[in-house]
Amino acid sequence: GFAARSVKVMNETVALCQLSEGAVPRESATVQLSLDGLTFTDATARAVVDLRPHPEVHRINPSSALTFGGEVLVTGEGFYFSAALCRWGSDLSSHANILGPTKVVCPAPQVTDAHTAILELDVDGYGTIKAGIFTYVEPIILHGIRVRAGPIRGGTSVSVYATSFHPDIPVSCSFGESHVVPASIVSETETSCISPPVARPGMYHVSLVHASSGEDVSVSSGDDMRYEYYDDPTLTTIMPAGGSIKGGTHV
């Protein structure tokens, strides 16, 4: 066993025991009290307490989101609490979704402007736990695409133009609602992606999504962001079937 660092008698029936940080085991323990350090009270089932480590945050992902909000996964250990409040600076908060002892999801509330805030977990019994630095950024404004059509087998290089790209927001290209491919930043205003294969021809809206969360991070300035897929060409016949060895025949 181990002894408490200090004991404070609150009243005739309550004593407050403070444990040393390194002495707390991650398991249940039996509590016994002594007035002289030699004679202890009997161990009973009612004196068994469940000791848990202090919550510790390892990382948050993503560490940035658009001003219209999103979700942030907080990973760490010791998340044995049943409820927590996510605080985004001094003015904003949201209720955390506890996924287990190592994962908490914090819904990032919508804000009116881009700024940086400290994300903290407010937990009863543990106080405030710093999770990390979180950055709100403005949506990426799209101005158009170059190469507006290609075959349904995909493989066409498509350029997407925007006002600017955020260094804190890794992006992918989305064709329609479910076809997402990696994007390569070409310049401050251009990114490039390869069109994915699709099942049927038609018009597909092109947008940019967060490379990790898949959330939409772009808005259109009004330019046409549609990409047209067409059926792969099939060669059925050629006319004429022959010509002079000197060339010059139109086929």
Foldseek 3Di string as FASTA:
>chain_A
DDAFPDWADPDPPDIDGHHDQVVFDQAKDFDWDDDPVPDTDDTDPVRIDGTFHAWDWDAKPPQEEALQWDKIKTFTARPPAPWKWKDFADPDIDTWDDPDRTIIMGTTHHDDAWDKTFIWIAGPPRGIGTHGIHTYHHFWEWEEKDQQEDALQWFDKMKTFTPFDDPSFQKWKDWADPDTFHWADPDRTIIITTTHHDDAWDKTAIFIAGPPPRHGRYDYPPDGRIHTHDHDDDDDDDPPPDDDPVDPDDD
